Amino acid sequence: MNNQLYINEIQTLFDDVQRSEIFEDQKMMTDAVPLFPVAEINTKYEEEKGAEGFDLKDFVLANFDFLGAKVSIQRQDHLPIEEHIEKLWDELTRTAYEEKGTLLKLPKPYIVPGGRFNEFFYWDSYFIMLGLQVSGRVEMMENIVENCSYLIQNVGFVPNASRTHFLSRSQPPYFSLMLDLLSETTNDKSIYIKYYDTLEKEYAFWMDGEEWLTNGSGVKRIVKTEGGDLLNRYYDAENAPRPESYLIDIEDAENASGEEFYRNIRSACESGWDFSSRWFADGENIQTIETLKLAEVDLNCLLWHLEMTLATASALQNFTEKNNYFSERAAKRRQMINKYFWDEKTENYKDYHITKNTNTPSEHIAALYPLFLKLADEKQAEAVAKAISEKFLYQGGLVTTTKKTGQQWDLPNAWAPYQWLGFKAMKNYGFDELAEKIKTNWCLNVERVYKNTGKLMEKYNALDTETIAGGGEYPNQDGFGWTNGVYLQLQHN
């Protein structure tokens, strides 16, 4: 299905619904499933909308189904937290063997994050797999890998989530790390051979357009620096309001600078960090978002891992030429990570501003990736560990940036993925005491909120452990896939 095809088919109705704000959450209408042929609904709408007493919300509710929207899991008994998570795995399991509305079909069952997120998400699924490993749910781990492979083979990449309106962007490429986790769990190296073609296809997606680049230019997800070096960036193929945040984007665009505001917004969504001061030219306001001008440290580290995985998988099959090719690409990228993302002045990893030819001022937790993947030297690791300890670690866990803007990927919020990345990064370089502190601070925060609410949340407030985290475009969600996964993995490490 073409990107946004279903939403385009009901564009007038969709536009009217989102602008009228008949639903508190703009995602409601994007997830709606038509009860009748779309052409029939459109005709009926055109005929009825001008009539006296016409009620738009009643019309929508009569013509669309809102299956599974905002399922909140309530329990009579307050189980111990790990027992609660075990039950949640089943309660968050979904299937989509056929397309419904915007929902893409997938061959295997999967686990959704929870709350308003009732579809398969890409990078969330890796952190969910961490918990499934602890729970011994190997088949579901295999399902997640199989669903990712199906999407890469059929769409060319893993979309942000399994909806038609996400077919213009991906999320941080974790597929190769998923294979590591599955191989480690099953003690089976043949997984790399089985999914070799899938790995190559995902790599081709991220590197698409490199042959057209001249120095100082960018195309899609790849840029060439003034010095002629290749780096990757987050990107989205569409430059239009996001259907799931339609009115928000239109209103934000009114005072925005630059003609690609929508693409910059969407490109930040591909990073998973929607939104953060990390992307803002002035460090404060979303209207100054400039994602397209940045090459990101996390993305380039993940692509190094993908290149290394392809080299390893090539060696397993005695593909000497391909092994050499991917090994050389990985070695070159490792040099580029050090050259472009290591900031000597602040002794930390930062994103690289392509047009200014300098590191961005934003201090953020993605600096953990070179340590998580063991790309930093001892001196660099020591400096990053110092920054983590002094600027990012609070009593409720690791925050993502040092700025408080009201955006959900800024201070004071602590997100599950970075607690795991932080713990592993510190362990990799022997900072065991700091690793334990990261683990303890966040896990105690999770346990406190669970004790008070009976829920596991999408994110947590790291500074004020008496409150629940907020900020962003929607309320804090409960469920919650990656929190469950990271909590279990940390408790068993």
Protein backbone atom coordinates (compact mmCIF):
# COMPACT_ATOMS: atom_id res chain seq x y z
CA MET A 1 0.00 0.00 0.00
CA ASN A 2 1.32 3.45 -0.84
CA ASN A 3 2.25 5.76 2.00
CA GLN A 4 -0.83 7.27 3.62
CA LEU A 5 -3.06 5.77 0.90
CA TYR A 6 -5.95 5.01 3.23
CA ILE A 7 -5.74 8.42 4.92
CA ASN A 8 -5.51 10.12 1.53
CA GLU A 9 -8.70 8.33 0.50
CA ILE A 10 -10.59 10.04 3.34
CA GLN A 11 -8.54 13.26 3.23
CA THR A 12 -11.42 15.77 3.48
CA LEU A 13 -13.10 13.90 6.33
CA PHE A 14 -9.74 13.25 8.02
CA ASP A 15 -8.78 16.93 7.79
CA ASP A 16 -12.14 18.03 9.23
CA VAL A 17 -11.95 15.53 12.09
CA GLN A 18 -8.40 16.48 13.10
CA ARG A 19 -9.01 20.23 12.88
CA SER A 20 -12.26 20.00 14.86
CA GLU A 21 -10.49 18.11 17.71
CA ILE A 22 -13.48 15.86 18.37
CA PHE A 23 -10.98 13.39 19.85
CA GLU A 24 -8.56 14.44 22.55
CA ASP A 25 -5.83 12.34 20.91
CA GLN A 26 -5.11 12.94 17.20
CA LYS A 27 -3.94 9.33 16.91
CA MET A 28 -7.52 8.09 17.35
CA MET A 29 -8.56 8.95 13.79
CA THR A 30 -5.37 7.58 12.21
CA ASP A 31 -6.04 4.20 13.86
CA ALA A 32 -9.75 4.07 12.95
CA VAL A 33 -10.96 1.15 10.84
CA PRO A 34 -13.72 1.95 8.27
CA LEU A 35 -16.86 -0.14 8.74
CA PHE A 36 -17.97 0.43 5.13
CA PRO A 37 -16.16 0.96 1.80
CA VAL A 38 -14.24 4.26 1.97
CA ALA A 39 -15.90 5.66 -1.19
CA GLU A 40 -19.30 5.03 0.40
CA ILE A 41 -18.29 6.84 3.61
CA ASN A 42 -16.95 9.79 1.62
CA THR A 43 -20.15 10.10 -0.43
CA LYS A 44 -22.28 9.89 2.70
CA TYR A 45 -20.13 12.56 4.37
CA GLU A 46 -20.42 14.99 1.47
CA GLU A 47 -24.19 14.50 1.41
CA GLU A 48 -24.77 14.83 5.16
CA LYS A 49 -22.18 17.30 6.50
CA GLY A 50 -24.16 20.42 5.54
CA ALA A 51 -27.43 19.18 7.02
CA GLU A 52 -28.94 20.85 10.05
CA GLY A 53 -28.04 19.10 13.28
CA PHE A 54 -25.16 17.14 11.70
CA ASP A 55 -22.75 15.91 14.38
CA LEU A 56 -19.25 15.07 13.11
CA LYS A 57 -18.30 12.86 16.05
CA ASP A 58 -21.53 10.84 15.77
CA PHE A 59 -20.88 10.41 12.04
CA VAL A 60 -17.34 9.15 12.65
CA LEU A 61 -18.39 6.76 15.41
CA ALA A 62 -21.13 5.35 13.17
CA ASN A 63 -18.74 4.74 10.26
CA PHE A 64 -15.48 3.69 11.91
CA ASP A 65 -14.35 1.15 14.48
CA PHE A 66 -11.80 2.08 17.14
CA LEU A 67 -10.62 -1.43 17.98
CA GLY A 68 -8.18 -1.58 20.85
CA ALA A 69 -7.75 2.16 21.18
CA LYS A 70 -6.13 3.13 24.47
CA VAL A 71 -6.48 -0.19 26.25
CA SER A 72 -5.63 0.39 29.91
CA ILE A 73 -4.79 -2.73 31.88
CA GLN A 74 -6.42 -2.76 35.32
CA ARG A 75 -5.84 -5.44 37.92
CA GLN A 76 -7.84 -6.30 41.03
CA ASP A 77 -4.86 -7.83 42.80
CA HIS A 78 -1.54 -6.03 43.23
CA LEU A 79 0.94 -8.67 42.07
CA PRO A 80 4.70 -8.56 42.69
CA ILE A 81 6.18 -6.52 39.84
CA GLU A 82 7.80 -9.41 37.95
CA GLU A 83 4.60 -11.47 38.08
CA HIS A 84 2.73 -8.43 36.76
CA ILE A 85 5.17 -8.17 33.83
CA GLU A 86 4.77 -11.86 33.03
CA LYS A 87 1.00 -11.36 32.72
CA LEU A 88 1.55 -8.18 30.68
CA TRP A 89 3.44 -10.08 27.95
CA ASP A 90 0.22 -11.94 27.11
CA GLU A 91 -2.00 -8.88 27.54
CA LEU A 92 0.19 -6.80 25.20
CA THR A 93 0.34 -9.51 22.51
CA ARG A 94 -1.44 -8.74 19.23
CA THR A 95 -1.84 -10.25 15.78
CA ALA A 96 -2.50 -8.56 12.43
CA TYR A 97 -2.81 -11.27 9.79
CA GLU A 98 -4.63 -8.86 7.48
CA GLU A 99 -4.61 -5.10 6.93
CA LYS A 100 -7.23 -3.09 8.79
CA GLY A 101 -7.46 0.63 8.13
CA THR A 102 -3.90 1.90 8.58
CA LEU A 103 -2.66 -1.24 10.36
CA LEU A 104 -0.13 -3.24 8.33
CA LYS A 105 -0.37 -7.03 8.31
CA LEU A 106 2.45 -9.05 9.88
CA PRO A 107 3.10 -12.79 9.69
CA LYS A 108 3.67 -13.39 13.41
CA PRO A 109 2.18 -12.27 16.75
CA TYR A 110 3.96 -9.33 18.37
CA ILE A 111 4.01 -7.23 21.53
CA VAL A 112 2.78 -3.63 21.49
CA PRO A 113 4.13 -0.96 23.86
CA GLY A 114 0.73 -0.31 25.49
CA GLY A 115 -1.58 2.64 26.10
CA ARG A 116 -2.25 4.55 22.87
CA PHE A 117 0.41 2.50 21.07
CA ASN A 118 -1.44 -0.51 19.75
CA GLU A 119 0.85 -1.54 16.88
CA PHE A 120 4.32 -3.03 16.35
CA PHE A 121 7.13 -0.50 16.98
CA TYR A 122 10.66 -1.02 15.67
CA TRP A 123 13.21 0.04 18.29
CA ASP A 124 10.81 -0.57 21.18
CA SER A 125 10.80 -4.22 20.15
CA TYR A 126 14.53 -4.67 20.86
CA PHE A 127 14.09 -3.52 24.45
CA ILE A 128 10.98 -5.68 24.76
CA MET A 129 13.15 -8.62 23.60
CA LEU A 130 15.52 -8.00 26.53
CA GLY A 131 12.65 -8.85 28.88
CA LEU A 132 11.40 -11.74 26.77
CA GLN A 133 14.89 -13.25 27.05
CA VAL A 134 14.64 -13.18 30.86
CA SER A 135 11.09 -14.59 30.69
CA GLY A 136 12.26 -17.46 28.48
CA ARG A 137 9.84 -16.43 25.73
CA VAL A 138 12.14 -17.36 22.87
CA GLU A 139 9.33 -17.91 20.37
CA MET A 140 8.12 -14.32 20.77
CA MET A 141 11.71 -13.10 20.32
CA GLU A 142 11.83 -15.08 17.08
CA ASN A 143 8.45 -13.60 16.07
CA ILE A 144 9.77 -10.06 16.49
CA VAL A 145 12.82 -10.82 14.33
CA GLU A 146 10.61 -12.52 11.72
CA ASN A 147 8.22 -9.54 11.60
CA CYS A 148 11.14 -7.13 11.13
CA SER A 149 12.53 -9.31 8.37
CA TYR A 150 9.11 -9.49 6.68
CA LEU A 151 8.86 -5.69 6.69
CA ILE A 152 12.41 -5.21 5.37
CA GLN A 153 11.78 -7.75 2.60
CA ASN A 154 8.37 -6.33 1.64
CA VAL A 155 8.69 -2.61 2.38
CA GLY A 156 12.48 -2.20 2.16
CA PHE A 157 12.91 -1.22 5.82
CA VAL A 158 11.22 -1.54 9.20
CA PRO A 159 8.79 1.39 9.48
CA ASN A 160 8.61 3.51 12.63
CA ALA A 161 5.55 1.36 13.47
CA SER A 162 3.25 -0.99 11.57
CA ARG A 163 0.90 1.66 10.15
CA THR A 164 0.59 2.85 6.55
CA HIS A 165 1.32 6.45 7.54
CA PHE A 166 4.74 5.37 8.86
CA LEU A 167 5.88 4.05 5.49
CA SER A 168 8.00 7.16 4.95
CA ARG A 169 10.40 6.59 7.85
CA SER A 170 12.09 3.96 9.96
CA GLN A 171 13.48 4.11 13.52
CA PRO A 172 16.98 3.48 14.95
CA PRO A 173 18.20 0.35 13.11
CA TYR A 174 18.26 -2.31 15.81
CA PHE A 175 17.72 -5.38 13.63
CA SER A 176 21.37 -6.50 13.79
CA LEU A 177 21.32 -6.11 17.60
CA MET A 178 18.11 -8.17 17.70
CA LEU A 179 20.00 -10.95 15.89
CA ASP A 180 22.82 -10.74 18.46
CA LEU A 181 20.31 -11.08 21.27
CA LEU A 182 18.51 -14.01 19.64
CA SER A 183 21.78 -15.75 18.76
CA GLU A 184 23.02 -15.32 22.34
CA THR A 185 19.71 -16.71 23.69
CA THR A 186 19.55 -19.75 21.42
CA ASN A 187 23.32 -20.24 21.03
CA ASP A 188 22.74 -20.40 17.27
CA LYS A 189 25.01 -18.55 14.82
CA SER A 190 23.03 -19.74 11.79
CA ILE A 191 20.56 -16.90 12.50
CA TYR A 192 23.06 -14.53 10.83
CA ILE A 193 23.03 -16.68 7.70
CA LYS A 194 19.24 -17.03 7.69
CA TYR A 195 18.75 -13.25 7.79
CA TYR A 196 21.79 -12.27 5.71
CA ASP A 197 19.72 -10.99 2.79
CA THR A 198 17.55 -9.00 5.22
CA LEU A 199 20.63 -7.37 6.78
CA GLU A 200 21.87 -6.38 3.32
CA LYS A 201 18.48 -4.92 2.39
CA GLU A 202 18.27 -2.82 5.53
CA TYR A 203 21.81 -1.56 4.94
CA ALA A 204 20.90 -0.61 1.36
CA PHE A 205 17.96 1.42 2.69
CA TRP A 206 20.14 3.49 5.03
CA MET A 207 22.85 4.00 2.39
CA ASP A 208 20.50 4.72 -0.51
CA GLY A 209 21.72 7.62 -2.64
CA GLU A 210 25.40 7.63 -1.62
CA GLU A 211 26.54 7.42 -5.25
CA TRP A 212 24.85 10.76 -6.02
CA LEU A 213 26.53 12.76 -3.28
CA THR A 214 28.99 15.57 -3.76
CA ASN A 215 31.00 17.06 -0.91
CA GLY A 216 28.89 19.09 1.51
CA SER A 217 25.58 17.62 0.33
CA GLY A 218 22.93 15.22 1.62
CA VAL A 219 20.36 12.93 0.06
CA LYS A 220 17.80 10.92 2.02
CA ARG A 221 19.60 9.36 5.03
CA ILE A 222 23.17 9.96 3.95
CA VAL A 223 25.41 13.02 3.80
CA LYS A 224 28.89 13.74 2.53
CA THR A 225 30.91 16.21 4.58
CA GLU A 226 32.98 19.04 3.12
CA GLY A 227 35.96 16.72 3.54
CA GLY A 228 34.28 13.98 1.50
CA ASP A 229 33.43 11.61 4.35
CA LEU A 230 30.14 9.70 4.53
CA LEU A 231 27.85 10.00 7.56
CA ASN A 232 24.22 9.12 8.12
CA ARG A 233 21.28 11.16 9.36
CA TYR A 234 17.64 10.61 10.24
CA TYR A 235 15.19 11.45 7.47
CA ASP A 236 11.57 11.10 6.34
CA ALA A 237 10.40 10.82 2.74
CA GLU A 238 7.35 13.05 3.35
CA ASN A 239 7.19 16.82 3.96
CA ALA A 240 3.63 17.10 5.30
CA PRO A 241 1.94 17.17 8.72
CA ARG A 242 2.08 13.84 10.53
CA PRO A 243 -1.42 12.28 10.43
CA GLU A 244 -1.05 11.13 14.05
CA SER A 245 -0.20 14.69 15.20
CA TYR A 246 -1.90 16.58 12.38
CA LEU A 247 -3.20 19.74 14.05
CA ILE A 248 -0.18 20.02 16.36
CA ASP A 249 2.14 20.12 13.32
CA ILE A 250 -0.02 22.63 11.42
CA GLU A 251 -0.07 24.97 14.41
CA ASP A 252 3.67 24.60 15.09
CA ALA A 253 4.43 25.27 11.41
CA GLU A 254 2.79 28.71 11.54
CA ASN A 255 5.78 30.28 13.31
CA ALA A 256 8.45 27.93 12.00
CA SER A 257 11.51 28.90 10.02
CA GLY A 258 12.49 26.98 6.88
CA GLU A 259 10.39 25.33 4.19
CA GLU A 260 11.02 21.77 5.34
CA PHE A 261 9.58 22.13 8.84
CA TYR A 262 7.39 19.04 8.49
CA ARG A 263 10.25 16.89 7.18
CA ASN A 264 12.45 18.05 10.07
CA ILE A 265 9.68 17.10 12.51
CA ARG A 266 9.22 13.70 10.89
CA SER A 267 12.98 13.07 10.70
CA ALA A 268 13.24 13.60 14.45
CA CYS A 269 10.49 10.98 14.81
CA GLU A 270 12.72 8.51 12.94
CA SER A 271 15.25 8.90 15.76
CA GLY A 272 12.63 7.89 18.33
CA TRP A 273 13.28 11.18 20.16
CA ASP A 274 10.07 13.07 19.44
CA PHE A 275 10.87 15.65 20.64
CA SER A 276 13.96 17.13 22.28
CA SER A 277 16.08 20.29 22.48
CA ARG A 278 18.67 18.10 20.74
CA TRP A 279 17.00 18.99 17.42
CA PHE A 280 16.38 22.71 17.95
CA ALA A 281 18.66 25.39 16.50
CA ASP A 282 17.97 27.65 19.50
CA GLY A 283 17.94 24.74 21.96
CA GLU A 284 14.48 25.76 23.19
CA ASN A 285 11.72 25.92 20.56
CA ILE A 286 10.35 23.27 18.22
CA GLN A 287 9.83 25.93 15.51
CA THR A 288 13.63 26.02 15.08
CA ILE A 289 13.93 22.26 14.49
CA GLU A 290 16.79 21.37 12.11
CA THR A 291 17.12 17.57 12.22
CA LEU A 292 18.08 17.38 8.54
CA LYS A 293 21.22 19.44 9.15
CA LEU A 294 22.55 16.97 11.70
CA ALA A 295 24.43 13.68 11.52
CA GLU A 296 23.73 11.73 14.71
CA VAL A 297 26.15 9.78 16.88
CA ASP A 298 23.62 7.06 17.80
CA LEU A 299 22.60 6.33 14.19
CA ASN A 300 26.19 6.10 12.98
CA CYS A 301 27.13 3.77 15.83
CA LEU A 302 24.16 1.51 15.04
CA LEU A 303 25.16 1.45 11.35
CA TRP A 304 28.70 0.53 12.35
CA HIS A 305 27.17 -2.43 14.20
CA LEU A 306 25.15 -3.34 11.11
CA GLU A 307 28.32 -3.22 8.96
CA MET A 308 30.21 -5.38 11.48
CA THR A 309 27.31 -7.86 11.59
CA LEU A 310 27.31 -8.06 7.79
CA ALA A 311 31.08 -8.66 7.85
CA THR A 312 30.66 -11.45 10.43
CA ALA A 313 27.73 -13.01 8.54
CA SER A 314 29.78 -12.86 5.31
CA ALA A 315 32.71 -14.64 7.00
CA LEU A 316 30.39 -17.38 8.28
CA GLN A 317 29.51 -18.15 4.66
CA ASN A 318 33.04 -17.67 3.28
CA PHE A 319 31.95 -14.65 1.26
CA THR A 320 35.51 -13.26 1.25
CA GLU A 321 34.85 -10.28 -0.99
CA LYS A 322 31.80 -9.16 0.99
CA ASN A 323 33.56 -9.77 4.29
CA ASN A 324 36.37 -7.46 3.16
CA TYR A 325 33.89 -4.86 1.87
CA PHE A 326 31.84 -4.63 5.06
CA SER A 327 34.91 -4.87 7.32
CA GLU A 328 36.47 -1.92 5.49
CA ARG A 329 33.22 0.07 5.71
CA ALA A 330 32.98 -0.61 9.45
CA ALA A 331 36.62 0.36 9.99
CA LYS A 332 36.13 3.59 8.06
CA ARG A 333 32.94 4.42 9.98
CA ARG A 334 34.71 3.81 13.27
CA GLN A 335 37.26 6.45 12.26
CA MET A 336 34.45 8.83 11.23
CA ILE A 337 32.67 8.37 14.58
CA ASN A 338 35.84 9.47 16.33
CA LYS A 339 36.55 12.27 13.86
CA TYR A 340 33.09 13.86 13.71
CA PHE A 341 31.30 13.00 16.95
CA TRP A 342 34.00 13.22 19.59
CA ASP A 343 34.12 16.81 20.87
CA GLU A 344 37.58 17.52 22.28
CA LYS A 345 36.46 20.75 23.96
CA THR A 346 33.77 19.17 26.15
CA GLU A 347 35.27 15.66 26.10
CA ASN A 348 32.01 14.04 25.08
CA TYR A 349 30.24 12.64 22.04
CA LYS A 350 27.88 15.03 20.29
CA ASP A 351 25.95 15.21 17.02
CA TYR A 352 27.62 16.87 14.03
CA HIS A 353 26.13 19.92 12.31
CA ILE A 354 26.65 19.34 8.61
CA THR A 355 26.37 22.96 7.40
CA LYS A 356 28.25 24.55 10.31
CA ASN A 357 30.96 21.82 10.22
CA THR A 358 31.05 21.59 13.99
CA ASN A 359 29.55 19.65 16.88
CA THR A 360 26.16 20.76 18.14
CA PRO A 361 26.02 22.30 21.63
CA SER A 362 23.36 19.86 22.86
CA GLU A 363 24.54 17.53 25.63
CA HIS A 364 22.56 14.31 25.41
CA ILE A 365 22.55 10.69 26.46
CA ALA A 366 23.09 9.31 22.93
CA ALA A 367 26.76 9.84 23.84
CA LEU A 368 26.45 6.39 25.44
CA TYR A 369 26.36 4.54 22.10
CA PRO A 370 30.14 4.47 21.45
CA LEU A 371 30.56 2.93 24.92
CA PHE A 372 27.60 0.57 24.55
CA LEU A 373 29.17 -0.78 21.33
CA LYS A 374 32.77 -0.57 22.67
CA LEU A 375 33.91 2.03 20.13
CA ALA A 376 35.41 4.47 22.65
CA ASP A 377 38.97 4.28 23.95
CA GLU A 378 39.63 4.19 27.71
CA LYS A 379 40.23 7.94 27.98
CA GLN A 380 37.04 8.78 26.08
CA ALA A 381 35.04 6.28 28.14
CA GLU A 382 36.33 7.82 31.37
CA ALA A 383 35.30 11.31 30.24
CA VAL A 384 31.82 10.13 29.20
CA ALA A 385 31.38 8.25 32.49
CA LYS A 386 32.29 11.44 34.37
CA ALA A 387 29.69 13.43 32.39
CA ILE A 388 27.06 10.74 32.97
CA SER A 389 27.73 10.74 36.71
CA GLU A 390 27.80 14.55 37.08
CA LYS A 391 25.17 15.72 34.57
CA PHE A 392 22.78 12.88 33.70
CA LEU A 393 22.32 10.60 36.70
CA TYR A 394 19.63 11.61 39.18
CA GLN A 395 17.90 9.72 41.97
CA GLY A 396 15.29 8.36 39.54
CA GLY A 397 17.64 7.30 36.73
CA LEU A 398 19.42 8.74 33.70
CA VAL A 399 17.89 11.76 31.95
CA THR A 400 18.25 12.22 28.20
CA THR A 401 19.44 15.85 28.01
CA THR A 402 20.60 18.60 30.36
CA LYS A 403 17.86 21.04 29.24
CA LYS A 404 14.31 21.40 30.52
CA THR A 405 12.01 22.54 27.69
CA GLY A 406 8.76 20.68 28.34
CA GLN A 407 9.57 18.26 25.52
CA GLN A 408 9.31 14.65 26.64
CA TRP A 409 12.83 13.66 25.53
CA ASP A 410 14.40 16.35 27.71
CA LEU A 411 15.08 16.78 31.41
CA PRO A 412 13.59 15.56 33.78
CA ASN A 413 12.45 12.37 32.03
CA ALA A 414 14.19 9.01 32.29
CA TRP A 415 13.46 6.56 29.47
CA ALA A 416 13.98 2.79 29.73
CA PRO A 417 16.28 2.29 26.68
CA TYR A 418 18.95 4.59 28.06
CA GLN A 419 19.00 2.94 31.47
CA TRP A 420 20.00 -0.29 29.73
CA LEU A 421 22.46 1.43 27.38
CA GLY A 422 23.95 3.29 30.36
CA PHE A 423 24.25 0.16 32.49
CA LYS A 424 25.90 -1.84 29.70
CA ALA A 425 28.13 1.04 28.60
CA MET A 426 29.53 1.46 32.10
CA LYS A 427 29.97 -2.29 32.57
CA ASN A 428 31.88 -2.50 29.26
CA TYR A 429 34.59 -0.18 30.62
CA GLY A 430 34.70 -1.42 34.21
CA PHE A 431 32.70 1.41 35.82
CA ASP A 432 30.77 -1.17 37.82
CA GLU A 433 29.80 1.10 40.70
CA LEU A 434 28.28 3.68 38.32
CA ALA A 435 26.50 0.91 36.38
CA GLU A 436 24.92 -0.37 39.61
CA LYS A 437 23.86 3.13 40.60
CA ILE A 438 22.13 3.66 37.21
CA LYS A 439 20.34 0.33 37.64
CA THR A 440 19.33 0.91 41.27
CA ASN A 441 18.15 4.50 40.86
CA TRP A 442 15.88 3.73 37.93
CA CYS A 443 14.57 0.36 39.15
CA LEU A 444 13.61 1.84 42.53
CA ASN A 445 11.75 4.62 40.70
CA VAL A 446 9.87 2.04 38.60
CA GLU A 447 9.01 0.05 41.73
CA ARG A 448 7.79 3.15 43.56
CA VAL A 449 5.45 4.17 40.73
CA TYR A 450 4.22 0.59 40.42
CA LYS A 451 3.53 0.42 44.14
CA ASN A 452 1.54 3.69 43.97
CA THR A 453 -0.34 3.11 40.69
CA GLY A 454 -0.20 -0.60 39.84
CA LYS A 455 1.26 0.38 36.45
CA LEU A 456 4.52 0.40 34.54
CA MET A 457 4.94 3.66 32.65
CA GLU A 458 6.41 4.75 29.32
CA LYS A 459 8.84 7.16 31.03
CA TYR A 460 9.71 8.35 34.54
CA ASN A 461 10.59 11.61 36.27
CA ALA A 462 14.22 11.23 37.34
CA LEU A 463 14.40 14.40 39.45
CA ASP A 464 11.16 14.35 41.39
CA THR A 465 10.55 10.73 42.29
CA GLU A 466 7.29 11.69 43.97
CA THR A 467 5.62 12.44 40.61
CA ILE A 468 5.00 10.73 37.29
CA ALA A 469 6.79 12.03 34.17
CA GLY A 470 5.06 14.34 31.70
CA GLY A 471 5.76 16.62 28.74
CA GLY A 472 5.37 16.04 25.03
CA GLU A 473 2.35 15.72 22.76
CA TYR A 474 0.35 13.15 24.75
CA PRO A 475 -0.04 11.98 28.38
CA ASN A 476 2.36 9.41 29.86
CA GLN A 477 1.26 5.92 28.75
CA ASP A 478 1.04 2.74 30.78
CA GLY A 479 1.80 -0.79 29.62
CA PHE A 480 4.68 -0.52 28.95
CA GLY A 481 6.74 -2.67 26.61
CA TRP A 482 10.26 -1.35 26.88
CA THR A 483 10.02 -0.50 30.58
CA ASN A 484 8.98 -4.10 31.27
CA GLY A 485 11.84 -5.42 29.16
CA VAL A 486 14.59 -3.23 30.58
CA TYR A 487 13.42 -3.64 34.20
CA LEU A 488 13.52 -7.45 33.91
CA GLN A 489 16.92 -7.46 32.19
CA LEU A 490 18.47 -5.08 34.74
CA GLN A 491 17.12 -7.10 37.66
CA HIS A 492 18.70 -10.24 36.26
CA ASN A 493 22.12 -8.71 35.53
